[in-house]
Amino acid sequence: MELTLKFGKKNSKLEKLEAKTGKKVYSFSTLSGWDCPFAKECQSFAVETPNGMKIKDGKYTKFRCFSASQEVLWENVYKSRKNNSQLIKLANTDFDLAVKTVIEQFPKKCQILRINVAGDMKTQTYFDMWLEVIRNLPTVQFYAYTKALPYWVARLGEIPDNFNLTASFGGRCDNLIEKYNLRYAKVVFSKKEAKDLGLVIDHDDSHAALNRYKNQNFALLLHNSQPKGSLAAKALSEIRRLYNTKK
């Protein structure tokens, strides 16, 4: 399979990380929802319909995935992630070729890569493929949020030093976070909620990416459009009101 991968440049959040570290930041994404087998509370999908792209929330969605919303709004984003999803199939059928494909097409200027801004570790083989890529690029810092905790747990003790993983609360296997003492992030609906939980809010992905925070849990403040009438939508409205007031 010949595959041309699409590595993303920084979004607004990653711009902050780049400014903070002085390092070039890139990202790699696959399809939201469709490539997230352990998602639950944030599960949303971009769906192709005769009337264009539509958002579909999962059965247990409490807050909408921002990446799925991006795929509905911007066709080029959807197409690039759909293209990248082929890497998962390639890893499952030809592991060595998948590793080679990523390494050969890896952005030469990249110093920090966030894996799966959209999507997640869909299979154990895909997770293992990234581990092999990361071992072969020891000067690059990699990081990822994941709900695919069984795949992480299966490789405890084998995670390269230049790969920081964060368990993302709200998935189907949250019980593994406490059981294996995995570093985690939790989406909160307010600054007060984060304070009550004893968690600092990460506004620039520095807690997720940088080694000095490697063993610290943290919070992520809710953002993006949310299902109308949901608690998340009401919380987001309040967050925006407070932000605008401060401005």
Protein backbone atom coordinates (compact mmCIF):
# COMPACT_ATOMS: atom_id res chain seq x y z
CA MET A 1 0.00 0.00 0.00
CA GLU A 2 1.40 3.37 -1.04
CA LEU A 3 0.37 5.96 1.50
CA THR A 4 1.14 9.66 1.71
CA LEU A 5 0.67 10.83 5.29
CA LYS A 6 -0.58 14.25 6.34
CA PHE A 7 1.21 15.76 9.34
CA GLY A 8 -0.56 18.79 10.76
CA LYS A 9 1.00 22.06 11.79
CA LYS A 10 0.18 23.64 15.08
CA ASN A 11 -3.32 24.71 16.09
CA SER A 12 -3.87 27.58 18.55
CA LYS A 13 -3.13 25.38 21.56
CA LEU A 14 0.00 23.91 20.04
CA GLU A 15 1.14 27.41 19.07
CA LYS A 16 1.29 28.14 22.80
CA LEU A 17 3.33 25.00 23.37
CA GLU A 18 5.72 25.98 20.57
CA ALA A 19 6.09 29.49 22.02
CA LYS A 20 6.72 28.07 25.49
CA THR A 21 9.33 25.51 24.41
CA GLY A 22 10.88 27.22 21.38
CA LYS A 23 10.54 23.91 19.54
CA LYS A 24 8.74 23.06 16.31
CA VAL A 25 5.46 21.29 17.07
CA TYR A 26 3.50 19.08 14.66
CA SER A 27 0.54 16.75 15.03
CA PHE A 28 -0.81 13.58 13.47
CA SER A 29 -4.50 12.70 13.39
CA THR A 30 -6.90 10.04 12.18
CA LEU A 31 -10.71 10.11 12.21
CA SER A 32 -12.48 11.15 15.39
CA GLY A 33 -14.91 8.65 16.85
CA TRP A 34 -14.42 6.04 14.16
CA ASP A 35 -10.84 5.44 15.32
CA CYS A 36 -11.62 5.74 19.05
CA PRO A 37 -12.78 2.27 20.16
CA PHE A 38 -12.68 3.06 23.88
CA ALA A 39 -14.35 6.48 23.76
CA LYS A 40 -17.54 6.99 25.74
CA GLU A 41 -18.32 10.41 27.24
CA CYS A 42 -16.74 12.36 24.34
CA GLN A 43 -17.63 10.06 21.48
CA SER A 44 -18.75 11.94 18.37
CA PHE A 45 -18.48 11.20 14.65
CA ALA A 46 -18.35 13.18 11.44
CA VAL A 47 -20.81 11.48 9.10
CA GLU A 48 -21.05 11.86 5.33
CA THR A 49 -24.67 12.45 4.21
CA PRO A 50 -26.34 13.48 0.92
CA ASN A 51 -26.67 16.95 2.48
CA GLY A 52 -23.05 17.23 3.49
CA MET A 53 -21.13 16.44 6.67
CA LYS A 54 -23.12 16.11 9.90
CA ILE A 55 -22.15 15.55 13.52
CA LYS A 56 -23.38 12.44 15.30
CA ASP A 57 -22.97 11.99 19.04
CA GLY A 58 -22.53 8.62 20.68
CA LYS A 59 -25.04 7.01 23.01
CA TYR A 60 -23.18 8.13 26.15
CA THR A 61 -21.83 11.50 24.97
CA LYS A 62 -21.59 14.08 27.77
CA PHE A 63 -19.37 16.55 25.91
CA ARG A 64 -18.77 16.69 22.18
CA CYS A 65 -15.40 15.86 20.67
CA PHE A 66 -13.89 19.07 19.29
CA SER A 67 -12.05 17.14 16.57
CA ALA A 68 -15.24 15.62 15.20
CA SER A 69 -16.70 19.12 14.95
CA GLN A 70 -13.64 20.23 12.97
CA GLU A 71 -14.18 17.39 10.51
CA VAL A 72 -17.75 18.53 9.92
CA LEU A 73 -16.77 22.17 9.41
CA TRP A 74 -13.72 21.70 7.18
CA GLU A 75 -13.77 19.15 4.37
CA ASN A 76 -9.98 19.20 3.93
CA VAL A 77 -9.50 18.29 7.60
CA TYR A 78 -11.89 15.35 7.27
CA LYS A 79 -10.19 14.12 4.11
CA SER A 80 -6.67 14.35 5.55
CA ARG A 81 -7.67 12.39 8.66
CA LYS A 82 -9.55 9.81 6.63
CA ASN A 83 -6.40 9.40 4.54
CA ASN A 84 -4.24 8.98 7.66
CA SER A 85 -6.61 6.30 8.99
CA GLN A 86 -5.21 4.02 6.31
CA LEU A 87 -2.02 3.85 8.41
CA ILE A 88 -3.97 1.82 10.98
CA LYS A 89 -4.87 -0.76 8.33
CA LEU A 90 -1.30 -0.78 7.05
CA ALA A 91 0.08 -1.40 10.55
CA ASN A 92 -2.28 -4.36 10.93
CA THR A 93 -1.24 -5.92 7.60
CA ASP A 94 2.42 -4.90 7.18
CA PHE A 95 3.90 -3.65 10.45
CA ASP A 96 7.41 -2.98 9.13
CA LEU A 97 6.14 -1.04 6.13
CA ALA A 98 3.95 1.11 8.37
CA VAL A 99 6.92 1.98 10.59
CA LYS A 100 9.06 2.74 7.55
CA THR A 101 6.34 4.92 6.01
CA VAL A 102 6.06 7.11 9.12
CA ILE A 103 9.82 7.48 9.57
CA GLU A 104 10.47 8.31 5.92
CA GLN A 105 7.70 10.93 5.79
CA PHE A 106 8.28 12.37 9.25
CA PRO A 107 8.60 16.21 9.14
CA LYS A 108 12.29 17.01 9.26
CA LYS A 109 11.79 20.16 11.36
CA CYS A 110 9.52 18.46 13.91
CA GLN A 111 10.86 18.43 17.48
CA ILE A 112 7.61 17.67 19.28
CA LEU A 113 4.80 15.54 17.84
CA ARG A 114 1.35 15.14 19.32
CA ILE A 115 -0.07 11.82 18.17
CA ASN A 116 -3.83 11.75 17.61
CA VAL A 117 -5.15 15.25 18.15
CA ALA A 118 -8.04 13.43 16.51
CA GLY A 119 -8.51 9.69 16.69
CA ASP A 120 -6.85 7.29 19.12
CA MET A 121 -4.89 4.06 19.25
CA LYS A 122 -7.45 1.92 17.42
CA THR A 123 -5.59 -1.39 17.69
CA GLN A 124 -2.74 -2.87 19.70
CA THR A 125 -0.72 -3.20 16.50
CA TYR A 126 -1.17 0.48 15.70
CA PHE A 127 -0.07 1.39 19.24
CA ASP A 128 2.98 -0.87 18.90
CA MET A 129 3.80 0.68 15.52
CA TRP A 130 4.08 4.11 17.15
CA LEU A 131 6.31 2.69 19.89
CA GLU A 132 8.67 1.40 17.22
CA VAL A 133 8.64 4.71 15.35
CA ILE A 134 9.38 6.59 18.57
CA ARG A 135 12.30 4.31 19.43
CA ASN A 136 13.78 5.12 16.02
CA LEU A 137 13.43 8.90 16.54
CA PRO A 138 14.98 9.41 19.99
CA THR A 139 15.63 13.16 19.56
CA VAL A 140 11.92 13.93 19.01
CA GLN A 141 9.52 14.34 21.94
CA PHE A 142 6.21 12.51 21.39
CA TYR A 143 3.03 12.68 23.44
CA ALA A 144 -0.58 11.53 23.26
CA TYR A 145 -3.82 11.46 25.18
CA THR A 146 -5.51 8.07 25.01
CA LYS A 147 -8.53 6.12 26.15
CA ALA A 148 -7.06 2.93 24.68
CA LEU A 149 -5.79 1.96 28.11
CA PRO A 150 -5.67 -1.83 27.57
CA TYR A 151 -3.05 -1.30 24.85
CA TRP A 152 -0.98 0.93 27.14
CA VAL A 153 -1.24 -1.48 30.06
CA ALA A 154 -0.15 -4.35 27.80
CA ARG A 155 3.12 -2.48 27.17
CA LEU A 156 3.90 -1.11 30.63
CA GLY A 157 7.67 -1.05 31.08
CA GLU A 158 8.19 -0.77 27.30
CA ILE A 159 7.22 2.88 26.74
CA PRO A 160 10.19 4.88 25.36
CA ASP A 161 11.48 7.76 27.49
CA ASN A 162 10.64 10.27 24.74
CA PHE A 163 6.93 9.32 24.76
CA ASN A 164 4.57 10.87 27.33
CA LEU A 165 1.16 9.24 27.57
CA THR A 166 -1.87 10.65 29.37
CA ALA A 167 -4.94 8.58 30.17
CA SER A 168 -8.02 10.53 29.16
CA PHE A 169 -10.86 10.08 31.66
CA GLY A 170 -14.33 9.41 30.25
CA GLY A 171 -13.66 6.19 28.35
CA ARG A 172 -14.77 2.58 28.63
CA CYS A 173 -11.77 1.44 30.68
CA ASP A 174 -11.39 4.20 33.29
CA ASN A 175 -10.98 1.53 35.97
CA LEU A 176 -7.48 0.83 34.65
CA ILE A 177 -6.31 4.35 35.53
CA GLU A 178 -6.36 3.79 39.27
CA LYS A 179 -5.50 0.09 39.05
CA TYR A 180 -2.23 0.78 37.20
CA ASN A 181 -1.60 4.31 38.53
CA LEU A 182 -1.68 5.84 35.06
CA ARG A 183 -1.10 9.57 34.66
CA TYR A 184 -4.44 11.12 33.66
CA ALA A 185 -6.28 14.21 32.45
CA LYS A 186 -9.91 15.03 33.17
CA VAL A 187 -12.19 17.44 31.29
CA VAL A 188 -13.78 19.90 33.72
CA PHE A 189 -16.71 22.27 33.28
CA SER A 190 -15.23 25.09 35.37
CA LYS A 191 -12.07 26.32 37.07
CA LYS A 192 -13.76 25.64 40.40
CA GLU A 193 -14.26 22.00 39.48
CA ALA A 194 -10.56 21.67 38.68
CA LYS A 195 -9.66 23.33 41.99
CA ASP A 196 -12.00 21.02 43.91
CA LEU A 197 -10.34 18.04 42.26
CA GLY A 198 -6.89 19.40 43.11
CA LEU A 199 -5.92 19.58 39.44
CA VAL A 200 -4.14 22.34 37.55
CA ILE A 201 -5.66 23.25 34.17
CA ASP A 202 -3.35 22.70 31.20
CA HIS A 203 -3.97 25.50 28.67
CA ASP A 204 -1.07 24.82 26.31
CA ASP A 205 -0.41 21.05 26.36
CA SER A 206 2.77 21.60 28.38
CA HIS A 207 1.61 19.18 31.10
CA ALA A 208 0.84 16.57 28.48
CA ALA A 209 4.05 17.00 26.49
CA LEU A 210 6.91 17.98 28.77
CA ASN A 211 8.96 15.61 30.89
CA ARG A 212 8.95 17.85 33.96
CA TYR A 213 5.20 17.19 34.31
CA LYS A 214 5.43 13.53 33.35
CA ASN A 215 3.98 12.18 36.60
CA GLN A 216 1.43 14.93 37.26
CA ASN A 217 -2.31 14.59 36.66
CA PHE A 218 -4.11 17.64 35.27
CA ALA A 219 -7.40 19.05 33.97
CA LEU A 220 -8.59 20.31 30.60
CA LEU A 221 -11.19 23.07 30.46
CA LEU A 222 -14.22 22.26 28.32
CA HIS A 223 -14.25 23.92 24.90
CA ASN A 224 -15.87 23.65 21.44
CA SER A 225 -19.57 23.57 20.51
CA GLN A 226 -21.68 21.19 22.60
CA PRO A 227 -25.03 19.40 22.15
CA LYS A 228 -27.88 21.89 22.58
CA GLY A 229 -29.45 21.81 26.03
CA SER A 230 -26.76 19.56 27.53
CA LEU A 231 -24.95 20.24 30.79
CA ALA A 232 -21.80 20.67 28.73
CA ALA A 233 -23.46 23.36 26.60
CA LYS A 234 -24.55 25.25 29.73
CA ALA A 235 -21.09 24.94 31.24
CA LEU A 236 -19.46 26.17 28.04
CA SER A 237 -21.78 29.18 27.97
CA GLU A 238 -20.71 30.06 31.50
CA ILE A 239 -17.02 29.61 30.66
CA ARG A 240 -17.40 31.98 27.71
CA ARG A 241 -19.33 34.50 29.80
CA LEU A 242 -16.61 34.59 32.44
CA TYR A 243 -13.88 34.81 29.80
CA ASN A 244 -15.59 37.69 28.00
CA THR A 245 -16.19 39.49 31.28
CA LYS A 246 -12.47 39.32 32.03
CA LYS A 247 -11.68 40.70 28.61
